[in-house]
Amino acid sequence: MNGFGNKLSNLEKYWILYDVGNSAFILLVSTIIPINFKNIAQTNGIIPSDSTAYWSYAISLSTIIVAILGPVLGTLADTKGYRKTLFAIFMIFGVLGCAALSLPLSWILFLSIFVFAKIGVSGSFIFYDAMLSDITIDERMDHISSLGYAWGYIGSCIPFIISLLLILFADKLSLTTSFATSIAFLLNAVWWLFMSMPLIKNYKQIYYVEVKENPLKNSFRRLYDVLRDIKKQKKIFIFLLAFFFYIDGVYTIIEMATSYGKDVGIDDANLLFALLLTQIVAFPFAILFGKLSKKFKSQNLISTCILGYLAIALFALQLDKPWEFWLLA
């Protein structure tokens, strides 16, 4: 791959395409899915504050499960022949979960399937991120990663806008809102699956650990060795601890924004269009941050973003008007 300049290789394009695919579901998680859940919960007599709590419990449960599985899956990702297979399995779990949300479900079953789908997409990221070292060279990783984010943001707008139009104009299309929402879930599941196929078909693992014993047993042994050695690498331990709190804060804001906005009285249309705006704004800025990473230290850029999130969280404490939600978006 050396020497191809700024031109993307086919494998790099396929890797970026998966971000375009899964980002459709990620966008649903912060928009249509929580709104749909809260509407289902309300029809079952659950008050808004309780439904928000149940939604947060579901997100926390999926996060805890992935956190427990993550280290083992991470070591399996390095084992010869496992990276692509496990990536495909978790991707399929996520796609099937997204599609299953289209069924008429009770609120508890809806949440259960959502947790299943969330584990699927989060688990696939473990192997997807590990693929990057096989996809490109070290010098291009920041660039390719930022392109994945950028095209993921803008690409996810295509199925989302179609879904949004279906739901908002359901009456004019002679559809019920619930049926239009079901179509939206199926549409996004198909989009996710379709965008994943080029990577699954063409990816080959280059860097791996060859294991002769049982791979699962070996992954636990290697994980134990890493945890034992981490005591001697305080910087790595502090980094992992810091990243845990950092990324959990980021995802909490993303995944709870719509539910919180609905609780303070902002209507569904304003919530959905404001979060569509975030995808459009994120496209150029993801590319910009990728370029800035060549000129500035990554920790300085991350610190800037953390300060931004801090300002967002503090401002949101008094949020109760649609224009305020748009401003934060």
C-alpha atoms as a PDB file:
ATOM      1  CA  MET A   1       0.000   0.000   0.000  1.00  0.00           C
ATOM      2  CA  ASN A   2       2.999   2.290   0.280  1.00  0.00           C
ATOM      3  CA  GLY A   3       3.296   5.113  -2.196  1.00  0.00           C
ATOM      4  CA  PHE A   4      -0.337   5.663  -3.219  1.00  0.00           C
ATOM      5  CA  GLY A   5      -0.392   9.223  -1.820  1.00  0.00           C
ATOM      6  CA  ASN A   6      -3.791  10.623  -0.906  1.00  0.00           C
ATOM      7  CA  LYS A   7      -5.687   8.321  -3.241  1.00  0.00           C
ATOM      8  CA  LEU A   8      -7.797   5.800  -1.370  1.00  0.00           C
ATOM      9  CA  SER A   9      -7.221   2.119  -1.976  1.00  0.00           C
ATOM     10  CA  ASN A  10     -10.253  -0.101  -2.537  1.00  0.00           C
ATOM     11  CA  LEU A  11      -9.847  -1.655   0.914  1.00  0.00           C
ATOM     12  CA  GLU A  12      -9.770   1.783   2.532  1.00  0.00           C
ATOM     13  CA  LYS A  13     -12.980   2.659   0.702  1.00  0.00           C
ATOM     14  CA  TYR A  14     -14.637  -0.568   1.864  1.00  0.00           C
ATOM     15  CA  TRP A  15     -13.558   0.109   5.453  1.00  0.00           C
ATOM     16  CA  ILE A  16     -15.073   3.606   5.270  1.00  0.00           C
ATOM     17  CA  LEU A  17     -18.269   2.173   3.745  1.00  0.00           C
ATOM     18  CA  TYR A  18     -18.903   0.129   6.888  1.00  0.00           C
ATOM     19  CA  ASP A  19     -18.947   3.376   8.858  1.00  0.00           C
ATOM     20  CA  VAL A  20     -21.533   4.687   6.393  1.00  0.00           C
ATOM     21  CA  GLY A  21     -23.579   1.557   7.056  1.00  0.00           C
ATOM     22  CA  ASN A  22     -23.449   1.279  10.855  1.00  0.00           C
ATOM     23  CA  SER A  23     -23.807   5.046  11.332  1.00  0.00           C
ATOM     24  CA  ALA A  24     -27.372   4.737  10.058  1.00  0.00           C
ATOM     25  CA  PHE A  25     -28.183   2.609  13.105  1.00  0.00           C
ATOM     26  CA  ILE A  26     -26.144   4.856  15.433  1.00  0.00           C
ATOM     27  CA  LEU A  27     -28.195   7.829  14.212  1.00  0.00           C
ATOM     28  CA  LEU A  28     -31.401   5.886  14.902  1.00  0.00           C
ATOM     29  CA  VAL A  29     -30.158   5.230  18.452  1.00  0.00           C
ATOM     30  CA  SER A  30     -29.968   8.976  19.123  1.00  0.00           C
ATOM     31  CA  THR A  31     -33.169   9.927  17.288  1.00  0.00           C
ATOM     32  CA  ILE A  32     -36.031   7.666  16.183  1.00  0.00           C
ATOM     33  CA  ILE A  33     -35.468   4.673  18.501  1.00  0.00           C
ATOM     34  CA  PRO A  34     -35.721   6.571  21.847  1.00  0.00           C
ATOM     35  CA  ILE A  35     -38.684   8.614  20.571  1.00  0.00           C
ATOM     36  CA  ASN A  36     -40.447   5.451  19.417  1.00  0.00           C
ATOM     37  CA  PHE A  37     -39.703   3.720  22.722  1.00  0.00           C
ATOM     38  CA  LYS A  38     -41.033   6.645  24.755  1.00  0.00           C
ATOM     39  CA  ASN A  39     -44.196   6.705  22.642  1.00  0.00           C
ATOM     40  CA  ILE A  40     -44.687   2.943  23.184  1.00  0.00           C
ATOM     41  CA  ALA A  41     -44.054   3.371  26.904  1.00  0.00           C
ATOM     42  CA  GLN A  42     -46.522   6.254  27.117  1.00  0.00           C
ATOM     43  CA  THR A  43     -49.292   4.172  25.530  1.00  0.00           C
ATOM     44  CA  ASN A  44     -48.616   1.619  28.281  1.00  0.00           C
ATOM     45  CA  GLY A  45     -49.105   4.225  31.004  1.00  0.00           C
ATOM     46  CA  ILE A  46     -45.428   4.788  31.829  1.00  0.00           C
ATOM     47  CA  ILE A  47     -44.645   8.383  32.764  1.00  0.00           C
ATOM     48  CA  PRO A  48     -41.870  10.193  30.775  1.00  0.00           C
ATOM     49  CA  SER A  49     -39.334  10.303  33.623  1.00  0.00           C
ATOM     50  CA  ASP A  50     -39.662   6.533  34.166  1.00  0.00           C
ATOM     51  CA  SER A  51     -39.347   5.733  30.450  1.00  0.00           C
ATOM     52  CA  THR A  52     -36.184   7.869  30.313  1.00  0.00           C
ATOM     53  CA  ALA A  53     -34.806   5.905  33.261  1.00  0.00           C
ATOM     54  CA  TYR A  54     -35.642   2.573  31.567  1.00  0.00           C
ATOM     55  CA  TRP A  55     -33.968   3.785  28.372  1.00  0.00           C
ATOM     56  CA  SER A  56     -30.827   4.716  30.298  1.00  0.00           C
ATOM     57  CA  TYR A  57     -30.840   1.319  32.042  1.00  0.00           C
ATOM     58  CA  ALA A  58     -30.944  -0.423  28.638  1.00  0.00           C
ATOM     59  CA  ILE A  59     -28.029   1.640  27.333  1.00  0.00           C
ATOM     60  CA  SER A  60     -26.056   0.986  30.530  1.00  0.00           C
ATOM     61  CA  LEU A  61     -26.739  -2.752  30.362  1.00  0.00           C
ATOM     62  CA  SER A  62     -25.521  -2.998  26.761  1.00  0.00           C
ATOM     63  CA  THR A  63     -22.425  -0.970  27.679  1.00  0.00           C
ATOM     64  CA  ILE A  64     -21.622  -3.199  30.668  1.00  0.00           C
ATOM     65  CA  ILE A  65     -22.029  -6.397  28.625  1.00  0.00           C
ATOM     66  CA  VAL A  66     -19.720  -5.095  25.885  1.00  0.00           C
ATOM     67  CA  ALA A  67     -17.242  -3.886  28.533  1.00  0.00           C
ATOM     68  CA  ILE A  68     -17.111  -7.398  30.002  1.00  0.00           C
ATOM     69  CA  LEU A  69     -16.847  -9.109  26.611  1.00  0.00           C
ATOM     70  CA  GLY A  70     -14.567  -6.471  25.096  1.00  0.00           C
ATOM     71  CA  PRO A  71     -11.164  -7.585  26.458  1.00  0.00           C
ATOM     72  CA  VAL A  72     -11.779 -11.208  25.459  1.00  0.00           C
ATOM     73  CA  LEU A  73     -13.098 -10.207  22.029  1.00  0.00           C
ATOM     74  CA  GLY A  74     -10.108  -7.902  21.624  1.00  0.00           C
ATOM     75  CA  THR A  75      -7.635 -10.728  22.127  1.00  0.00           C
ATOM     76  CA  LEU A  76      -9.674 -12.991  19.820  1.00  0.00           C
ATOM     77  CA  ALA A  77      -9.484 -10.223  17.200  1.00  0.00           C
ATOM     78  CA  ASP A  78      -5.722 -10.726  17.105  1.00  0.00           C
ATOM     79  CA  THR A  79      -6.033 -14.482  16.573  1.00  0.00           C
ATOM     80  CA  LYS A  80      -5.515 -15.800  13.062  1.00  0.00           C
ATOM     81  CA  GLY A  81      -8.758 -16.350  11.150  1.00  0.00           C
ATOM     82  CA  TYR A  82     -11.099 -14.874  13.771  1.00  0.00           C
ATOM     83  CA  ARG A  83     -11.196 -11.143  13.051  1.00  0.00           C
ATOM     84  CA  LYS A  84     -13.425 -11.143   9.964  1.00  0.00           C
ATOM     85  CA  THR A  85     -15.618 -14.029  11.125  1.00  0.00           C
ATOM     86  CA  LEU A  86     -16.463 -12.462  14.493  1.00  0.00           C
ATOM     87  CA  PHE A  87     -16.882  -9.051  12.880  1.00  0.00           C
ATOM     88  CA  ALA A  88     -19.485 -10.530  10.512  1.00  0.00           C
ATOM     89  CA  ILE A  89     -21.294 -12.351  13.350  1.00  0.00           C
ATOM     90  CA  PHE A  90     -21.661  -9.237  15.508  1.00  0.00           C
ATOM     91  CA  MET A  91     -22.634  -7.156  12.486  1.00  0.00           C
ATOM     92  CA  ILE A  92     -25.406  -9.648  11.650  1.00  0.00           C
ATOM     93  CA  PHE A  93     -26.592  -9.564  15.290  1.00  0.00           C
ATOM     94  CA  GLY A  94     -26.881  -5.799  15.026  1.00  0.00           C
ATOM     95  CA  VAL A  95     -28.645  -5.854  11.662  1.00  0.00           C
ATOM     96  CA  LEU A  96     -31.151  -8.488  12.809  1.00  0.00           C
ATOM     97  CA  GLY A  97     -31.791  -6.532  16.004  1.00  0.00           C
ATOM     98  CA  CYS A  98     -32.412  -3.334  14.025  1.00  0.00           C
ATOM     99  CA  ALA A  99     -34.810  -5.178  11.703  1.00  0.00           C
ATOM    100  CA  ALA A 100     -36.615  -6.836  14.647  1.00  0.00           C
ATOM    101  CA  LEU A 101     -37.439  -3.409  16.119  1.00  0.00           C
ATOM    102  CA  SER A 102     -39.910  -3.061  13.249  1.00  0.00           C
ATOM    103  CA  LEU A 103     -42.171  -5.696  14.848  1.00  0.00           C
ATOM    104  CA  PRO A 104     -45.120  -4.728  17.076  1.00  0.00           C
ATOM    105  CA  LEU A 105     -43.538  -5.138  20.509  1.00  0.00           C
ATOM    106  CA  SER A 106     -44.230  -4.434  24.163  1.00  0.00           C
ATOM    107  CA  TRP A 107     -41.975  -1.787  25.687  1.00  0.00           C
ATOM    108  CA  ILE A 108     -39.923  -4.344  27.626  1.00  0.00           C
ATOM    109  CA  LEU A 109     -39.390  -6.539  24.548  1.00  0.00           C
ATOM    110  CA  PHE A 110     -38.522  -3.469  22.474  1.00  0.00           C
ATOM    111  CA  LEU A 111     -35.822  -2.550  25.006  1.00  0.00           C
ATOM    112  CA  SER A 112     -34.527  -6.141  25.120  1.00  0.00           C
ATOM    113  CA  ILE A 113     -34.106  -6.295  21.336  1.00  0.00           C
ATOM    114  CA  PHE A 114     -32.495  -2.851  21.381  1.00  0.00           C
ATOM    115  CA  VAL A 115     -29.891  -4.116  23.887  1.00  0.00           C
ATOM    116  CA  PHE A 116     -29.253  -7.100  21.589  1.00  0.00           C
ATOM    117  CA  ALA A 117     -28.759  -4.796  18.574  1.00  0.00           C
ATOM    118  CA  LYS A 118     -26.556  -2.407  20.558  1.00  0.00           C
ATOM    119  CA  ILE A 119     -24.293  -5.265  21.659  1.00  0.00           C
ATOM    120  CA  GLY A 120     -24.087  -6.310  18.009  1.00  0.00           C
ATOM    121  CA  VAL A 121     -22.961  -2.937  16.689  1.00  0.00           C
ATOM    122  CA  SER A 122     -20.608  -2.260  19.621  1.00  0.00           C
ATOM    123  CA  GLY A 123     -19.065  -5.716  19.338  1.00  0.00           C
ATOM    124  CA  SER A 124     -18.500  -5.266  15.604  1.00  0.00           C
ATOM    125  CA  PHE A 125     -16.545  -2.066  16.325  1.00  0.00           C
ATOM    126  CA  ILE A 126     -13.937  -4.057  18.270  1.00  0.00           C
ATOM    127  CA  PHE A 127     -13.056  -6.060  15.158  1.00  0.00           C
ATOM    128  CA  TYR A 128     -13.698  -3.184  12.732  1.00  0.00           C
ATOM    129  CA  ASP A 129     -11.178  -0.956  14.516  1.00  0.00           C
ATOM    130  CA  ALA A 130      -8.679  -3.822  14.640  1.00  0.00           C
ATOM    131  CA  MET A 131      -8.981  -4.149  10.852  1.00  0.00           C
ATOM    132  CA  LEU A 132      -7.507  -0.696  10.293  1.00  0.00           C
ATOM    133  CA  SER A 133      -3.940  -1.924  10.764  1.00  0.00           C
ATOM    134  CA  ASP A 134      -4.530  -4.409   7.921  1.00  0.00           C
ATOM    135  CA  ILE A 135      -6.334  -1.864   5.756  1.00  0.00           C
ATOM    136  CA  THR A 136      -3.783   0.955   5.661  1.00  0.00           C
ATOM    137  CA  ILE A 137      -0.327   2.065   6.782  1.00  0.00           C
ATOM    138  CA  ASP A 138       0.456   3.766  10.108  1.00  0.00           C
ATOM    139  CA  GLU A 139       0.981   7.190   8.534  1.00  0.00           C
ATOM    140  CA  ARG A 140      -2.548   7.190   7.068  1.00  0.00           C
ATOM    141  CA  MET A 141      -4.515   5.876  10.055  1.00  0.00           C
ATOM    142  CA  ASP A 142      -5.620   9.294  11.364  1.00  0.00           C
ATOM    143  CA  HIS A 143      -6.625  10.336   7.840  1.00  0.00           C
ATOM    144  CA  ILE A 144      -8.591   7.170   7.060  1.00  0.00           C
ATOM    145  CA  SER A 145     -10.202   7.132  10.496  1.00  0.00           C
ATOM    146  CA  SER A 146     -11.387  10.741  10.117  1.00  0.00           C
ATOM    147  CA  LEU A 147     -12.759   9.938   6.652  1.00  0.00           C
ATOM    148  CA  GLY A 148     -14.672   7.019   8.172  1.00  0.00           C
ATOM    149  CA  TYR A 149     -16.272   9.343  10.715  1.00  0.00           C
ATOM    150  CA  ALA A 150     -16.951  12.035   8.122  1.00  0.00           C
ATOM    151  CA  TRP A 151     -18.565   9.818   5.489  1.00  0.00           C
ATOM    152  CA  GLY A 152     -20.339   7.871   8.216  1.00  0.00           C
ATOM    153  CA  TYR A 153     -21.990  11.082   9.394  1.00  0.00           C
ATOM    154  CA  ILE A 154     -23.061  12.316   5.978  1.00  0.00           C
ATOM    155  CA  GLY A 155     -23.818   8.874   4.520  1.00  0.00           C
ATOM    156  CA  SER A 156     -26.165   7.971   7.375  1.00  0.00           C
ATOM    157  CA  CYS A 157     -28.269  10.995   6.434  1.00  0.00           C
ATOM    158  CA  ILE A 158     -29.537   9.216   3.301  1.00  0.00           C
ATOM    159  CA  PRO A 159     -31.577   6.446   5.006  1.00  0.00           C
ATOM    160  CA  PHE A 160     -32.363   8.797   7.905  1.00  0.00           C
ATOM    161  CA  ILE A 161     -33.920  11.480   5.682  1.00  0.00           C
ATOM    162  CA  ILE A 162     -35.993   8.822   3.905  1.00  0.00           C
ATOM    163  CA  SER A 163     -37.061   7.440   7.298  1.00  0.00           C
ATOM    164  CA  LEU A 164     -37.856  10.937   8.552  1.00  0.00           C
ATOM    165  CA  LEU A 165     -40.010  11.737   5.532  1.00  0.00           C
ATOM    166  CA  LEU A 166     -41.850   8.422   5.897  1.00  0.00           C
ATOM    167  CA  ILE A 167     -42.677   9.121   9.550  1.00  0.00           C
ATOM    168  CA  LEU A 168     -43.527  12.827   9.249  1.00  0.00           C
ATOM    169  CA  PHE A 169     -45.671  12.364   6.142  1.00  0.00           C
ATOM    170  CA  ALA A 170     -47.156   8.995   7.074  1.00  0.00           C
ATOM    171  CA  ASP A 171     -50.727  10.335   6.901  1.00  0.00           C
ATOM    172  CA  LYS A 172     -50.262  11.700   3.382  1.00  0.00           C
ATOM    173  CA  LEU A 173     -48.813   8.349   2.320  1.00  0.00           C
ATOM    174  CA  SER A 174     -51.845   6.569   3.837  1.00  0.00           C
ATOM    175  CA  LEU A 175     -49.625   4.930   6.459  1.00  0.00           C
ATOM    176  CA  THR A 176     -49.884   4.821  10.216  1.00  0.00           C
ATOM    177  CA  THR A 177     -46.947   6.359  12.091  1.00  0.00           C
ATOM    178  CA  SER A 178     -46.090   2.994  13.649  1.00  0.00           C
ATOM    179  CA  PHE A 179     -46.033   1.260  10.252  1.00  0.00           C
ATOM    180  CA  ALA A 180     -43.884   4.041   8.765  1.00  0.00           C
ATOM    181  CA  THR A 181     -41.479   3.648  11.692  1.00  0.00           C
ATOM    182  CA  SER A 182     -41.342  -0.116  11.078  1.00  0.00           C
ATOM    183  CA  ILE A 183     -40.412   0.508   7.435  1.00  0.00           C
ATOM    184  CA  ALA A 184     -37.703   2.910   8.637  1.00  0.00           C
ATOM    185  CA  PHE A 185     -36.132   0.235  10.866  1.00  0.00           C
ATOM    186  CA  LEU A 186     -36.125  -2.295   8.017  1.00  0.00           C
ATOM    187  CA  LEU A 187     -34.693   0.268   5.592  1.00  0.00           C
ATOM    188  CA  ASN A 188     -31.792   1.082   7.917  1.00  0.00           C
ATOM    189  CA  ALA A 189     -31.102  -2.600   8.585  1.00  0.00           C
ATOM    190  CA  VAL A 190     -30.866  -3.300   4.829  1.00  0.00           C
ATOM    191  CA  TRP A 191     -28.669  -0.211   4.335  1.00  0.00           C
ATOM    192  CA  TRP A 192     -26.308  -1.372   7.110  1.00  0.00           C
ATOM    193  CA  LEU A 193     -26.068  -4.906   5.685  1.00  0.00           C
ATOM    194  CA  PHE A 194     -25.541  -3.707   2.105  1.00  0.00           C
ATOM    195  CA  MET A 195     -22.747  -1.295   3.080  1.00  0.00           C
ATOM    196  CA  SER A 196     -20.981  -4.045   5.057  1.00  0.00           C
ATOM    197  CA  MET A 197     -20.703  -6.528   2.199  1.00  0.00           C
ATOM    198  CA  PRO A 198     -17.690  -5.058   0.305  1.00  0.00           C
ATOM    199  CA  LEU A 199     -15.528  -5.117   3.457  1.00  0.00           C
ATOM    200  CA  ILE A 200     -16.551  -8.659   4.402  1.00  0.00           C
ATOM    201  CA  LYS A 201     -15.958  -9.895   0.862  1.00  0.00           C
ATOM    202  CA  ASN A 202     -12.532  -8.313   0.334  1.00  0.00           C
ATOM    203  CA  TYR A 203     -10.872  -7.999   3.748  1.00  0.00           C
ATOM    204  CA  LYS A 204      -7.980 -10.322   4.626  1.00  0.00           C
ATOM    205  CA  GLN A 205      -6.239 -10.397   7.993  1.00  0.00           C
ATOM    206  CA  ILE A 206      -2.533  -9.588   7.654  1.00  0.00           C
ATOM    207  CA  TYR A 207      -1.380  -9.144  11.238  1.00  0.00           C
ATOM    208  CA  TYR A 208      -2.322 -11.892  13.674  1.00  0.00           C
ATOM    209  CA  VAL A 209      -1.246 -14.183  16.463  1.00  0.00           C
ATOM    210  CA  GLU A 210      -1.052 -17.836  15.432  1.00  0.00           C
ATOM    211  CA  VAL A 211      -2.531 -20.046  18.133  1.00  0.00           C
ATOM    212  CA  LYS A 212      -2.245 -23.832  18.372  1.00  0.00           C
ATOM    213  CA  GLU A 213      -4.301 -24.338  21.535  1.00  0.00           C
ATOM    214  CA  ASN A 214      -7.984 -23.514  22.047  1.00  0.00           C
ATOM    215  CA  PRO A 215      -8.344 -19.873  20.839  1.00  0.00           C
ATOM    216  CA  LEU A 216     -10.754 -18.902  23.626  1.00  0.00           C
ATOM    217  CA  LYS A 217      -8.496 -20.386  26.308  1.00  0.00           C
ATOM    218  CA  ASN A 218      -5.512 -18.668  24.707  1.00  0.00           C
ATOM    219  CA  SER A 219      -7.311 -15.321  24.626  1.00  0.00           C
ATOM    220  CA  PHE A 220      -7.950 -15.531  28.376  1.00  0.00           C
ATOM    221  CA  ARG A 221      -4.298 -16.418  28.975  1.00  0.00           C
ATOM    222  CA  ARG A 222      -3.054 -13.514  26.847  1.00  0.00           C
ATOM    223  CA  LEU A 223      -5.543 -11.185  28.538  1.00  0.00           C
ATOM    224  CA  TYR A 224      -4.222 -12.284  31.944  1.00  0.00           C
ATOM    225  CA  ASP A 225      -0.668 -11.593  30.787  1.00  0.00           C
ATOM    226  CA  VAL A 226      -1.647  -8.118  29.610  1.00  0.00           C
ATOM    227  CA  LEU A 227      -3.435  -7.279  32.874  1.00  0.00           C
ATOM    228  CA  ARG A 228      -0.434  -8.545  34.851  1.00  0.00           C
ATOM    229  CA  ASP A 229       2.011  -6.487  32.790  1.00  0.00           C
ATOM    230  CA  ILE A 230      -0.163  -3.375  32.886  1.00  0.00           C
ATOM    231  CA  LYS A 231       0.900  -2.823  36.499  1.00  0.00           C
ATOM    232  CA  LYS A 232       4.342  -2.040  35.144  1.00  0.00           C
ATOM    233  CA  GLN A 233       2.891   0.303  32.493  1.00  0.00           C
ATOM    234  CA  LYS A 234       1.173   3.003  34.540  1.00  0.00           C
ATOM    235  CA  LYS A 235       0.691   5.288  31.541  1.00  0.00           C
ATOM    236  CA  ILE A 236      -1.282   2.602  29.707  1.00  0.00           C
ATOM    237  CA  PHE A 237      -3.439   1.926  32.782  1.00  0.00           C
ATOM    238  CA  ILE A 238      -4.172   5.636  33.258  1.00  0.00           C
ATOM    239  CA  PHE A 239      -4.968   5.975  29.544  1.00  0.00           C
ATOM    240  CA  LEU A 240      -7.456   3.082  29.651  1.00  0.00           C
ATOM    241  CA  LEU A 241      -9.112   4.478  32.780  1.00  0.00           C
ATOM    242  CA  ALA A 242      -9.299   7.979  31.279  1.00  0.00           C
ATOM    243  CA  PHE A 243     -10.695   6.661  28.003  1.00  0.00           C
ATOM    244  CA  PHE A 244     -13.415   4.747  29.871  1.00  0.00           C
ATOM    245  CA  PHE A 245     -14.738   7.923  31.499  1.00  0.00           C
ATOM    246  CA  TYR A 246     -14.179  10.011  28.366  1.00  0.00           C
ATOM    247  CA  ILE A 247     -16.015   7.789  25.896  1.00  0.00           C
ATOM    248  CA  ASP A 248     -18.800   6.960  28.355  1.00  0.00           C
ATOM    249  CA  GLY A 249     -19.512  10.674  28.745  1.00  0.00           C
ATOM    250  CA  VAL A 250     -19.549  11.191  24.983  1.00  0.00           C
ATOM    251  CA  TYR A 251     -21.956   8.319  24.320  1.00  0.00           C
ATOM    252  CA  THR A 252     -24.210   9.264  27.233  1.00  0.00           C
ATOM    253  CA  ILE A 253     -24.786  12.721  25.747  1.00  0.00           C
ATOM    254  CA  ILE A 254     -25.333  11.304  22.249  1.00  0.00           C
ATOM    255  CA  GLU A 255     -27.704   8.528  23.298  1.00  0.00           C
ATOM    256  CA  MET A 256     -29.692  10.468  25.912  1.00  0.00           C
ATOM    257  CA  ALA A 257     -30.070  13.770  24.022  1.00  0.00           C
ATOM    258  CA  THR A 258     -33.382  12.965  22.328  1.00  0.00           C
ATOM    259  CA  SER A 259     -34.922  11.349  25.399  1.00  0.00           C
ATOM    260  CA  TYR A 260     -33.905  14.323  27.549  1.00  0.00           C
ATOM    261  CA  GLY A 261     -35.168  16.812  24.958  1.00  0.00           C
ATOM    262  CA  LYS A 262     -38.543  15.060  24.782  1.00  0.00           C
ATOM    263  CA  ASP A 263     -38.856  15.129  28.568  1.00  0.00           C
ATOM    264  CA  VAL A 264     -38.370  18.911  28.709  1.00  0.00           C
ATOM    265  CA  GLY A 265     -41.155  19.415  26.173  1.00  0.00           C
ATOM    266  CA  ILE A 266     -39.450  19.687  22.781  1.00  0.00           C
ATOM    267  CA  ASP A 267     -41.575  18.166  19.991  1.00  0.00           C
ATOM    268  CA  ASP A 268     -40.449  15.206  17.903  1.00  0.00           C
ATOM    269  CA  ALA A 269     -39.947  17.168  14.662  1.00  0.00           C
ATOM    270  CA  ASN A 270     -37.556  19.675  16.275  1.00  0.00           C
ATOM    271  CA  LEU A 271     -35.619  16.852  17.938  1.00  0.00           C
ATOM    272  CA  LEU A 272     -35.220  14.877  14.717  1.00  0.00           C
ATOM    273  CA  PHE A 273     -34.284  17.789  12.463  1.00  0.00           C
ATOM    274  CA  ALA A 274     -31.847  19.229  15.015  1.00  0.00           C
ATOM    275  CA  LEU A 275     -30.024  15.900  15.251  1.00  0.00           C
ATOM    276  CA  LEU A 276     -29.990  15.655  11.455  1.00  0.00           C
ATOM    277  CA  LEU A 277     -28.170  18.990  11.569  1.00  0.00           C
ATOM    278  CA  THR A 278     -25.470  17.456  13.788  1.00  0.00           C
ATOM    279  CA  GLN A 279     -24.716  14.865  11.095  1.00  0.00           C
ATOM    280  CA  ILE A 280     -24.327  17.544   8.427  1.00  0.00           C
ATOM    281  CA  VAL A 281     -22.136  19.754  10.634  1.00  0.00           C
ATOM    282  CA  ALA A 282     -20.054  16.751  11.729  1.00  0.00           C
ATOM    283  CA  PHE A 283     -19.063  15.866   8.147  1.00  0.00           C
ATOM    284  CA  PRO A 284     -16.691  18.801   7.448  1.00  0.00           C
ATOM    285  CA  PHE A 285     -15.455  18.986  11.032  1.00  0.00           C
ATOM    286  CA  ALA A 286     -14.493  15.292  11.152  1.00  0.00           C
ATOM    287  CA  ILE A 287     -12.347  15.882   8.050  1.00  0.00           C
ATOM    288  CA  LEU A 288     -10.989  19.115   9.562  1.00  0.00           C
ATOM    289  CA  PHE A 289      -9.931  17.387  12.792  1.00  0.00           C
ATOM    290  CA  GLY A 290      -8.229  14.682  10.745  1.00  0.00           C
ATOM    291  CA  LYS A 291      -6.144  17.365   9.030  1.00  0.00           C
ATOM    292  CA  LEU A 292      -5.514  19.245  12.276  1.00  0.00           C
ATOM    293  CA  SER A 293      -4.100  16.051  13.807  1.00  0.00           C
ATOM    294  CA  LYS A 294      -1.128  16.461  11.448  1.00  0.00           C
ATOM    295  CA  LYS A 295      -0.385  19.939  12.804  1.00  0.00           C
ATOM    296  CA  PHE A 296      -1.395  19.749  16.463  1.00  0.00           C
ATOM    297  CA  LYS A 297      -1.013  17.184  19.214  1.00  0.00           C
ATOM    298  CA  SER A 298      -3.964  14.804  19.472  1.00  0.00           C
ATOM    299  CA  GLN A 299      -4.301  15.407  23.226  1.00  0.00           C
ATOM    300  CA  ASN A 300      -4.764  19.153  22.596  1.00  0.00           C
ATOM    301  CA  LEU A 301      -7.535  18.475  20.064  1.00  0.00           C
ATOM    302  CA  ILE A 302      -9.213  16.011  22.422  1.00  0.00           C
ATOM    303  CA  SER A 303      -9.015  18.526  25.281  1.00  0.00           C
ATOM    304  CA  THR A 304     -10.725  21.119  23.070  1.00  0.00           C
ATOM    305  CA  CYS A 305     -13.549  18.686  22.323  1.00  0.00           C
ATOM    306  CA  ILE A 306     -13.939  17.762  25.997  1.00  0.00           C
ATOM    307  CA  LEU A 307     -14.313  21.452  26.877  1.00  0.00           C
ATOM    308  CA  GLY A 308     -16.999  21.657  24.186  1.00  0.00           C
ATOM    309  CA  TYR A 309     -18.857  18.717  25.706  1.00  0.00           C
ATOM    310  CA  LEU A 310     -18.562  20.291  29.152  1.00  0.00           C
ATOM    311  CA  ALA A 311     -20.174  23.493  27.857  1.00  0.00           C
ATOM    312  CA  ILE A 312     -22.941  21.461  26.191  1.00  0.00           C
ATOM    313  CA  ALA A 313     -23.699  19.516  29.373  1.00  0.00           C
ATOM    314  CA  LEU A 314     -23.822  22.668  31.529  1.00  0.00           C
ATOM    315  CA  PHE A 315     -26.017  24.556  29.060  1.00  0.00           C
ATOM    316  CA  ALA A 316     -28.386  21.575  28.800  1.00  0.00           C
ATOM    317  CA  LEU A 317     -29.176  21.797  32.527  1.00  0.00           C
ATOM    318  CA  GLN A 318     -31.500  24.754  31.849  1.00  0.00           C
ATOM    319  CA  LEU A 319     -32.628  23.703  28.348  1.00  0.00           C
ATOM    320  CA  ASP A 320     -36.386  23.957  27.777  1.00  0.00           C
ATOM    321  CA  LYS A 321     -36.820  25.629  24.366  1.00  0.00           C
ATOM    322  CA  PRO A 322     -36.458  24.214  20.829  1.00  0.00           C
ATOM    323  CA  TRP A 323     -33.963  26.911  19.720  1.00  0.00           C
ATOM    324  CA  GLU A 324     -31.702  25.947  22.637  1.00  0.00           C
ATOM    325  CA  PHE A 325     -31.692  22.321  21.492  1.00  0.00           C
ATOM    326  CA  TRP A 326     -30.892  23.490  17.939  1.00  0.00           C
ATOM    327  CA  LEU A 327     -28.038  25.609  19.301  1.00  0.00           C
ATOM    328  CA  LEU A 328     -26.504  22.639  21.112  1.00  0.00           C
ATOM    329  CA  ALA A 329     -26.919  20.498  17.980  1.00  0.00           C
END
